[in-house]
Amino acid sequence: MAGYADDFSKSNNALDAEARGLMTASAIARKIGHGATAAGVKVVLRRAEWHHTSKMYNPVGYYDYDAAVEDAAEHGRDVAAEIIAASAKPAATEQTIANARVEWLEWGGTRKHPRATVRQASGCTVTYTGGEFVKVMYALTRTMRKGRETKGFKINGRAAHLVF
């Protein structure tokens, strides 16, 4: 039953899979609730099929959640609890570098003629709590937040993404 739905939201095969009880990872996460995420579903369950969705024909995995629950119940497991546990974010471990030398680019000029000025500060406290940003405290009271991947951002002479 190839083809696409009239509103171009999903392929006919995707609609057929949903009629048979298969669900996307995000639909299962919404059904479970309690902090479950699509990423947690993908860790715990095996994809049964995939089908195209949206007008851009994106491939989307479909999972048989009901069959997984029945199979797990026979073995004394709780699939929903496993998905919630897999969805939990690990606790962030904070890393701090004291008395660091920091270098960054400060942009000025005009849109047509941008100009980068290299700025430096010593005696900084650099804090990283996970993710893509770093907090820098310099000149005793001034703070800034910089992306780890930012060009020209260095900590003790090394690119920030290499330090953390």
Protein backbone atom coordinates (compact mmCIF):
# COMPACT_ATOMS: atom_id res chain seq x y z
CA MET A 1 0.00 0.00 0.00
CA ALA A 2 2.68 2.45 -1.05
CA GLY A 3 1.97 6.12 -1.38
CA TYR A 4 1.37 9.08 0.87
CA ALA A 5 -1.57 10.31 2.94
CA ASP A 6 -3.70 13.10 1.51
CA ASP A 7 -2.26 15.71 3.90
CA PHE A 8 1.37 14.59 3.29
CA SER A 9 1.86 13.95 7.01
CA LYS A 10 2.77 10.25 6.76
CA SER A 11 3.14 7.48 4.27
CA ASN A 12 0.27 5.04 3.87
CA ASN A 13 2.53 2.33 5.31
CA ALA A 14 3.10 4.48 8.43
CA LEU A 15 -0.67 4.87 8.85
CA ASP A 16 -1.05 1.11 8.44
CA ALA A 17 1.62 0.48 11.10
CA GLU A 18 -0.20 2.78 13.52
CA ALA A 19 -3.45 0.95 12.83
CA ARG A 20 -1.68 -2.30 13.79
CA GLY A 21 -0.63 -0.79 17.14
CA LEU A 22 2.94 0.28 16.40
CA MET A 23 4.04 3.65 17.79
CA THR A 24 6.87 6.11 17.36
CA ALA A 25 9.36 6.58 20.19
CA SER A 26 7.94 9.99 21.08
CA ALA A 27 4.39 8.59 21.20
CA ILE A 28 5.54 5.86 23.61
CA ALA A 29 7.32 8.45 25.77
CA ARG A 30 4.13 10.55 25.93
CA LYS A 31 2.11 7.45 26.84
CA ILE A 32 4.47 6.50 29.68
CA GLY A 33 5.02 10.02 31.01
CA HIS A 34 7.01 10.44 34.28
CA GLY A 35 10.06 11.86 32.49
CA ALA A 36 10.31 9.24 29.75
CA THR A 37 11.97 10.48 26.57
CA ALA A 38 12.15 9.24 23.01
CA ALA A 39 15.88 8.67 23.49
CA GLY A 40 15.13 6.39 26.45
CA VAL A 41 12.64 4.42 24.34
CA LYS A 42 15.25 3.96 21.62
CA VAL A 43 17.75 2.61 24.17
CA VAL A 44 15.37 0.02 25.65
CA LEU A 45 13.20 -1.12 22.73
CA ARG A 46 14.16 -2.60 19.38
CA ARG A 47 12.69 -0.89 16.34
CA ALA A 48 10.10 -3.07 14.62
CA GLU A 49 9.78 -1.10 11.38
CA TRP A 50 10.49 2.29 9.90
CA HIS A 51 8.34 4.43 7.64
CA HIS A 52 8.45 7.86 6.03
CA THR A 53 6.68 10.80 7.64
CA SER A 54 6.21 14.50 6.82
CA LYS A 55 6.39 16.14 3.44
CA MET A 56 10.20 15.83 3.67
CA TYR A 57 9.92 11.99 3.76
CA ASN A 58 11.83 11.64 7.05
CA PRO A 59 12.44 8.03 8.09
CA VAL A 60 10.89 7.35 11.52
CA GLY A 61 11.21 4.22 13.63
CA TYR A 62 8.08 2.41 14.82
CA TYR A 63 8.11 0.25 17.96
CA ASP A 64 5.80 -2.49 19.23
CA TYR A 65 5.41 -1.29 22.81
CA ASP A 66 2.51 -3.60 23.72
CA ALA A 67 4.41 -6.73 22.64
CA ALA A 68 7.47 -5.56 24.59
CA VAL A 69 5.36 -5.05 27.73
CA GLU A 70 3.84 -8.54 27.43
CA ASP A 71 7.23 -10.16 26.83
CA ALA A 72 8.80 -8.30 29.77
CA ALA A 73 5.92 -9.24 32.08
CA GLU A 74 6.62 -12.92 31.39
CA HIS A 75 10.20 -12.37 32.57
CA GLY A 76 9.24 -10.18 35.56
CA ARG A 77 10.51 -6.90 34.08
CA ASP A 78 8.84 -3.51 33.83
CA VAL A 79 9.52 -1.90 30.43
CA ALA A 80 8.13 1.48 31.46
CA ALA A 81 10.48 1.65 34.46
CA GLU A 82 13.43 0.69 32.25
CA ILE A 83 12.57 3.43 29.77
CA ILE A 84 12.23 6.03 32.54
CA ALA A 85 15.60 4.94 33.99
CA ALA A 86 17.23 5.15 30.54
CA SER A 87 15.72 8.63 30.09
CA ALA A 88 17.20 10.00 33.30
CA LYS A 89 20.06 12.42 32.73
CA PRO A 90 23.26 11.65 34.59
CA ALA A 91 24.14 14.06 37.36
CA ALA A 92 26.34 16.86 36.11
CA THR A 93 29.83 16.82 37.50
CA GLU A 94 31.14 20.34 37.86
CA GLN A 95 34.72 20.98 36.81
CA THR A 96 36.53 24.14 37.87
CA ILE A 97 39.87 25.58 36.83
CA ALA A 98 41.17 28.25 39.19
CA ASN A 99 43.73 30.92 38.32
CA ALA A 100 43.40 30.30 34.58
CA ARG A 101 44.52 32.46 31.68
CA VAL A 102 41.61 32.98 29.26
CA GLU A 103 41.70 34.36 25.72
CA TRP A 104 38.67 35.19 23.57
CA LEU A 105 37.66 37.23 20.54
CA GLU A 106 35.56 40.35 20.94
CA TRP A 107 33.82 41.46 17.75
CA GLY A 108 33.33 45.04 16.66
CA GLY A 109 33.28 47.09 13.49
CA THR A 110 30.38 46.92 11.07
CA ARG A 111 28.52 44.11 9.42
CA LYS A 112 30.36 44.74 6.17
CA HIS A 113 33.74 45.21 7.86
CA PRO A 114 33.81 43.12 11.06
CA ARG A 115 36.85 43.43 13.29
CA ALA A 116 37.96 40.91 15.91
CA THR A 117 39.96 42.06 18.92
CA VAL A 118 41.77 39.48 21.03
CA ARG A 119 41.01 39.93 24.73
CA GLN A 120 42.88 38.22 27.56
CA ALA A 121 42.40 37.87 31.28
CA SER A 122 44.51 36.16 33.93
CA GLY A 123 43.53 34.83 37.31
CA CYS A 124 40.14 33.65 36.04
CA THR A 125 37.92 30.96 37.48
CA VAL A 126 36.48 28.76 34.74
CA THR A 127 33.52 26.52 35.58
CA TYR A 128 32.06 23.79 33.38
CA THR A 129 28.90 21.95 34.46
CA GLY A 130 28.31 19.92 31.32
CA GLY A 131 26.74 20.90 28.04
CA GLU A 132 28.11 23.34 25.54
CA PHE A 133 28.80 26.43 27.68
CA VAL A 134 31.55 27.48 30.08
CA LYS A 135 31.22 30.17 32.76
CA VAL A 136 34.25 32.46 33.16
CA MET A 137 34.69 34.78 36.15
CA TYR A 138 37.37 37.43 35.65
CA ALA A 139 38.36 40.79 37.15
CA LEU A 140 36.89 39.64 40.49
CA THR A 141 33.28 40.57 39.66
CA ARG A 142 32.81 40.20 35.90
CA THR A 143 31.41 37.00 34.44
CA MET A 144 30.75 35.77 30.93
CA ARG A 145 29.40 32.65 29.36
CA LYS A 146 31.15 31.25 26.30
CA GLY A 147 30.45 28.25 24.13
CA ARG A 148 33.12 25.55 24.37
CA GLU A 149 33.31 25.32 20.56
CA THR A 150 33.66 29.10 20.05
CA LYS A 151 36.51 30.01 17.73
CA GLY A 152 39.28 31.92 19.47
CA PHE A 153 38.21 30.86 22.98
CA LYS A 154 41.23 29.42 24.80
CA ILE A 155 41.89 28.38 28.37
CA ASN A 156 45.56 28.27 29.40
CA GLY A 157 46.57 28.34 25.73
CA ARG A 158 44.40 25.37 24.68
CA ALA A 159 41.08 25.43 22.84
CA ALA A 160 38.23 25.21 25.37
CA HIS A 161 36.66 22.09 23.83
CA LEU A 162 39.97 20.28 24.37
CA VAL A 163 40.13 21.27 28.03
CA PHE A 164 36.68 19.98 29.03
